[in-house]
């Protein structure tokens, strides 16, 4: 178990909270993500968040269990270079 904060790049803002959990592989489905949020198991910027569709933007810190994720804008030029 690690306390490191990982960086999650997003291409557009905002992104709904449940999608972050799903796309980062922390849950199996969007439904599971929404359930975890409603149960109060997710924090955004240190505060328990119960809105399934909470809008997440650059600079937000999302915590779920032992996972900590800092949301950053993904640079489209960098992504293009790494995928070539």
N, C-alpha and C. Protein backbone atom coordinates (compact mmCIF):
# COMPACT_ATOMS: atom_id res chain seq x y z
N UNK A 1 0.85 -1.18 0.00
CA UNK A 1 0.00 0.00 0.00
C UNK A 1 0.90 1.24 0.00
N UNK A 2 0.54 2.20 -0.83
CA UNK A 2 1.36 3.39 -0.97
C UNK A 2 0.54 4.65 -0.68
N UNK A 3 1.20 5.67 -0.19
CA UNK A 3 0.53 6.94 0.05
C UNK A 3 0.87 7.95 -1.03
N UNK A 4 1.49 7.49 -2.12
CA UNK A 4 1.87 8.38 -3.20
C UNK A 4 0.64 8.88 -3.93
N UNK A 5 0.73 10.12 -4.38
CA UNK A 5 -0.33 10.70 -5.19
C UNK A 5 0.06 10.53 -6.65
N UNK A 6 -0.81 9.89 -7.42
CA UNK A 6 -0.50 9.73 -8.84
C UNK A 6 -1.20 10.82 -9.64
N UNK A 7 -0.62 11.15 -10.76
CA UNK A 7 -1.18 12.17 -11.63
C UNK A 7 -2.06 11.50 -12.67
N UNK A 8 -3.27 12.02 -12.82
CA UNK A 8 -4.21 11.54 -13.82
C UNK A 8 -4.44 12.67 -14.81
N UNK A 9 -4.10 12.42 -16.07
CA UNK A 9 -4.28 13.43 -17.11
C UNK A 9 -5.66 13.35 -17.73
N UNK A 10 -6.30 14.50 -17.89
CA UNK A 10 -7.59 14.56 -18.58
C UNK A 10 -7.45 15.46 -19.80
N UNK A 11 -8.15 15.11 -20.86
CA UNK A 11 -8.05 15.89 -22.11
C UNK A 11 -9.01 17.06 -22.14
N UNK A 12 -10.14 16.92 -21.44
CA UNK A 12 -11.09 18.02 -21.41
C UNK A 12 -11.67 18.15 -20.02
N UNK A 13 -12.11 19.34 -19.70
CA UNK A 13 -12.70 19.62 -18.39
C UNK A 13 -14.12 20.07 -18.60
N UNK A 14 -14.99 19.84 -17.65
CA UNK A 14 -14.80 18.97 -16.48
C UNK A 14 -15.06 17.51 -16.83
N UNK A 15 -14.69 16.63 -15.91
CA UNK A 15 -14.96 15.20 -16.03
C UNK A 15 -15.78 14.80 -14.80
N UNK A 16 -16.80 13.99 -15.01
CA UNK A 16 -17.63 13.56 -13.88
C UNK A 16 -16.84 12.61 -12.98
N UNK A 17 -17.01 12.76 -11.69
CA UNK A 17 -16.25 12.00 -10.69
C UNK A 17 -16.33 10.50 -10.91
N UNK A 18 -17.51 9.97 -11.16
CA UNK A 18 -17.63 8.52 -11.31
C UNK A 18 -16.80 8.00 -12.47
N UNK A 19 -16.61 8.82 -13.50
CA UNK A 19 -15.81 8.40 -14.66
C UNK A 19 -14.34 8.29 -14.31
N UNK A 20 -13.86 9.16 -13.44
CA UNK A 20 -12.45 9.07 -13.00
C UNK A 20 -12.22 7.72 -12.33
N UNK A 21 -13.10 7.33 -11.41
CA UNK A 21 -12.94 6.05 -10.72
C UNK A 21 -12.99 4.88 -11.69
N UNK A 22 -13.91 4.95 -12.64
CA UNK A 22 -14.07 3.86 -13.61
C UNK A 22 -12.86 3.77 -14.55
N UNK A 23 -12.49 4.90 -15.17
CA UNK A 23 -11.42 4.88 -16.16
C UNK A 23 -10.05 4.60 -15.55
N UNK A 24 -9.88 4.89 -14.27
CA UNK A 24 -8.61 4.60 -13.60
C UNK A 24 -8.57 3.18 -13.05
N UNK A 25 -9.63 2.41 -13.28
CA UNK A 25 -9.65 1.00 -12.90
C UNK A 25 -9.83 0.75 -11.41
N UNK A 26 -10.36 1.73 -10.69
CA UNK A 26 -10.55 1.56 -9.25
C UNK A 26 -11.84 0.83 -8.93
N UNK A 27 -12.74 0.77 -9.90
CA UNK A 27 -14.00 0.03 -9.79
C UNK A 27 -14.22 -0.69 -11.12
N UNK A 28 -15.14 -1.65 -11.10
CA UNK A 28 -15.40 -2.44 -12.31
C UNK A 28 -16.37 -1.76 -13.28
N UNK A 29 -17.23 -0.89 -12.77
CA UNK A 29 -18.26 -0.29 -13.62
C UNK A 29 -18.63 1.10 -13.12
N UNK A 30 -19.35 1.83 -13.99
CA UNK A 30 -19.85 3.13 -13.60
C UNK A 30 -20.83 3.03 -12.45
N UNK A 31 -21.65 1.97 -12.45
CA UNK A 31 -22.61 1.76 -11.37
C UNK A 31 -21.92 1.56 -10.03
N UNK A 32 -20.85 0.78 -10.05
CA UNK A 32 -20.08 0.55 -8.82
C UNK A 32 -19.45 1.85 -8.33
N UNK A 33 -18.97 2.67 -9.27
CA UNK A 33 -18.38 3.97 -8.91
C UNK A 33 -19.42 4.87 -8.27
N UNK A 34 -20.59 4.94 -8.87
CA UNK A 34 -21.66 5.78 -8.33
C UNK A 34 -22.07 5.33 -6.93
N UNK A 35 -22.13 4.02 -6.72
CA UNK A 35 -22.49 3.48 -5.42
C UNK A 35 -21.45 3.87 -4.37
N UNK A 36 -20.17 3.74 -4.71
CA UNK A 36 -19.09 4.09 -3.78
C UNK A 36 -19.17 5.57 -3.41
N UNK A 37 -19.50 6.42 -4.38
CA UNK A 37 -19.59 7.85 -4.12
C UNK A 37 -20.76 8.14 -3.18
N UNK A 38 -21.93 7.59 -3.48
CA UNK A 38 -23.12 7.83 -2.65
C UNK A 38 -22.90 7.33 -1.22
N UNK A 39 -22.14 6.25 -1.07
CA UNK A 39 -21.83 5.72 0.26
C UNK A 39 -20.86 6.61 1.04
N UNK A 40 -20.26 7.60 0.39
CA UNK A 40 -19.33 8.50 1.07
C UNK A 40 -17.91 7.97 1.14
N UNK A 41 -17.53 7.10 0.21
CA UNK A 41 -16.19 6.50 0.23
C UNK A 41 -15.18 7.27 -0.62
N UNK A 42 -15.59 8.41 -1.20
CA UNK A 42 -14.71 9.19 -2.07
C UNK A 42 -14.58 10.60 -1.51
N UNK A 43 -13.35 11.12 -1.55
CA UNK A 43 -13.10 12.49 -1.11
C UNK A 43 -12.58 13.29 -2.30
N UNK A 44 -13.02 14.54 -2.39
CA UNK A 44 -12.50 15.46 -3.40
C UNK A 44 -11.98 16.67 -2.64
N UNK A 45 -10.70 16.93 -2.82
CA UNK A 45 -10.04 18.04 -2.13
C UNK A 45 -10.24 17.97 -0.62
N UNK A 46 -10.17 16.74 -0.09
CA UNK A 46 -10.23 16.52 1.35
C UNK A 46 -11.62 16.45 1.95
N UNK A 47 -12.66 16.59 1.13
CA UNK A 47 -14.03 16.60 1.63
C UNK A 47 -14.80 15.41 1.04
N UNK A 48 -15.55 14.70 1.89
CA UNK A 48 -16.37 13.59 1.39
C UNK A 48 -17.33 14.13 0.34
N UNK A 49 -17.35 13.47 -0.81
CA UNK A 49 -18.19 13.90 -1.92
C UNK A 49 -19.23 12.83 -2.22
N UNK A 50 -20.51 13.20 -2.22
CA UNK A 50 -21.60 12.25 -2.48
C UNK A 50 -22.32 12.51 -3.80
N UNK A 51 -21.89 13.51 -4.55
CA UNK A 51 -22.48 13.79 -5.86
C UNK A 51 -21.82 12.89 -6.90
N UNK A 52 -22.58 11.98 -7.47
CA UNK A 52 -22.04 11.05 -8.47
C UNK A 52 -21.47 11.77 -9.67
N UNK A 53 -22.13 12.83 -10.05
CA UNK A 53 -21.72 13.55 -11.26
C UNK A 53 -20.95 14.84 -10.94
N UNK A 54 -20.34 14.87 -9.77
CA UNK A 54 -19.50 16.01 -9.39
C UNK A 54 -18.50 16.30 -10.50
N UNK A 55 -18.38 17.54 -10.88
CA UNK A 55 -17.47 17.93 -11.95
C UNK A 55 -16.05 18.08 -11.40
N UNK A 56 -15.13 17.32 -11.98
CA UNK A 56 -13.73 17.32 -11.56
C UNK A 56 -12.93 18.10 -12.60
N UNK A 57 -12.03 18.97 -12.11
CA UNK A 57 -11.23 19.82 -13.00
C UNK A 57 -9.76 19.76 -12.61
N UNK A 58 -8.94 20.35 -13.45
CA UNK A 58 -7.50 20.45 -13.23
C UNK A 58 -7.20 20.95 -11.82
N UNK A 59 -6.32 20.25 -11.12
CA UNK A 59 -5.91 20.67 -9.78
C UNK A 59 -6.65 19.96 -8.66
N UNK A 60 -7.77 19.29 -8.98
CA UNK A 60 -8.52 18.58 -7.93
C UNK A 60 -7.73 17.36 -7.44
N UNK A 61 -7.92 17.02 -6.17
CA UNK A 61 -7.34 15.83 -5.58
C UNK A 61 -8.48 14.88 -5.24
N UNK A 62 -8.45 13.69 -5.82
CA UNK A 62 -9.49 12.69 -5.60
C UNK A 62 -8.88 11.55 -4.80
N UNK A 63 -9.57 11.14 -3.72
CA UNK A 63 -9.11 10.05 -2.88
C UNK A 63 -10.18 8.97 -2.81
N UNK A 64 -9.76 7.73 -3.01
CA UNK A 64 -10.66 6.58 -2.94
C UNK A 64 -9.86 5.44 -2.31
N UNK A 65 -10.24 5.05 -1.11
CA UNK A 65 -9.45 4.05 -0.39
C UNK A 65 -8.04 4.57 -0.18
N UNK A 66 -7.06 3.78 -0.55
CA UNK A 66 -5.66 4.18 -0.39
C UNK A 66 -5.15 4.97 -1.59
N UNK A 67 -5.97 5.11 -2.62
CA UNK A 67 -5.56 5.80 -3.85
C UNK A 67 -5.76 7.31 -3.73
N UNK A 68 -4.73 8.05 -4.14
CA UNK A 68 -4.81 9.51 -4.21
C UNK A 68 -4.42 9.90 -5.63
N UNK A 69 -5.26 10.73 -6.24
CA UNK A 69 -5.03 11.13 -7.63
C UNK A 69 -5.13 12.64 -7.77
N UNK A 70 -4.11 13.24 -8.33
CA UNK A 70 -4.11 14.67 -8.65
C UNK A 70 -4.51 14.78 -10.11
N UNK A 71 -5.55 15.54 -10.40
CA UNK A 71 -6.05 15.68 -11.76
C UNK A 71 -5.31 16.83 -12.45
N UNK A 72 -4.76 16.52 -13.62
CA UNK A 72 -4.00 17.50 -14.40
C UNK A 72 -4.51 17.49 -15.83
N UNK A 73 -4.30 18.60 -16.53
CA UNK A 73 -4.64 18.66 -17.95
C UNK A 73 -3.59 17.86 -18.72
N UNK A 74 -4.06 17.00 -19.63
CA UNK A 74 -3.15 16.26 -20.50
C UNK A 74 -2.82 17.14 -21.69
N UNK A 75 -1.55 17.23 -22.02
CA UNK A 75 -1.10 18.01 -23.16
C UNK A 75 -1.27 17.17 -24.42
N UNK A 76 -2.11 17.60 -25.34
CA UNK A 76 -2.39 16.84 -26.55
C UNK A 76 -1.13 16.60 -27.38
N UNK A 77 -0.21 17.58 -27.42
CA UNK A 77 1.02 17.42 -28.18
C UNK A 77 1.89 16.32 -27.59
N UNK A 78 2.00 16.26 -26.26
CA UNK A 78 2.78 15.21 -25.60
C UNK A 78 2.17 13.85 -25.88
N UNK A 79 0.83 13.74 -25.82
CA UNK A 79 0.17 12.47 -26.08
C UNK A 79 0.44 12.00 -27.49
N UNK A 80 0.41 12.90 -28.47
CA UNK A 80 0.66 12.54 -29.86
C UNK A 80 2.09 12.02 -30.02
N UNK A 81 3.05 12.66 -29.36
CA UNK A 81 4.44 12.23 -29.46
C UNK A 81 4.65 10.86 -28.86
N UNK A 82 4.01 10.55 -27.72
CA UNK A 82 4.22 9.27 -27.07
C UNK A 82 3.50 8.14 -27.78
N UNK A 83 2.49 8.45 -28.59
CA UNK A 83 1.76 7.38 -29.27
C UNK A 83 2.33 7.06 -30.64
N UNK A 84 3.31 7.83 -31.11
CA UNK A 84 3.90 7.57 -32.44
C UNK A 84 4.87 6.42 -32.39
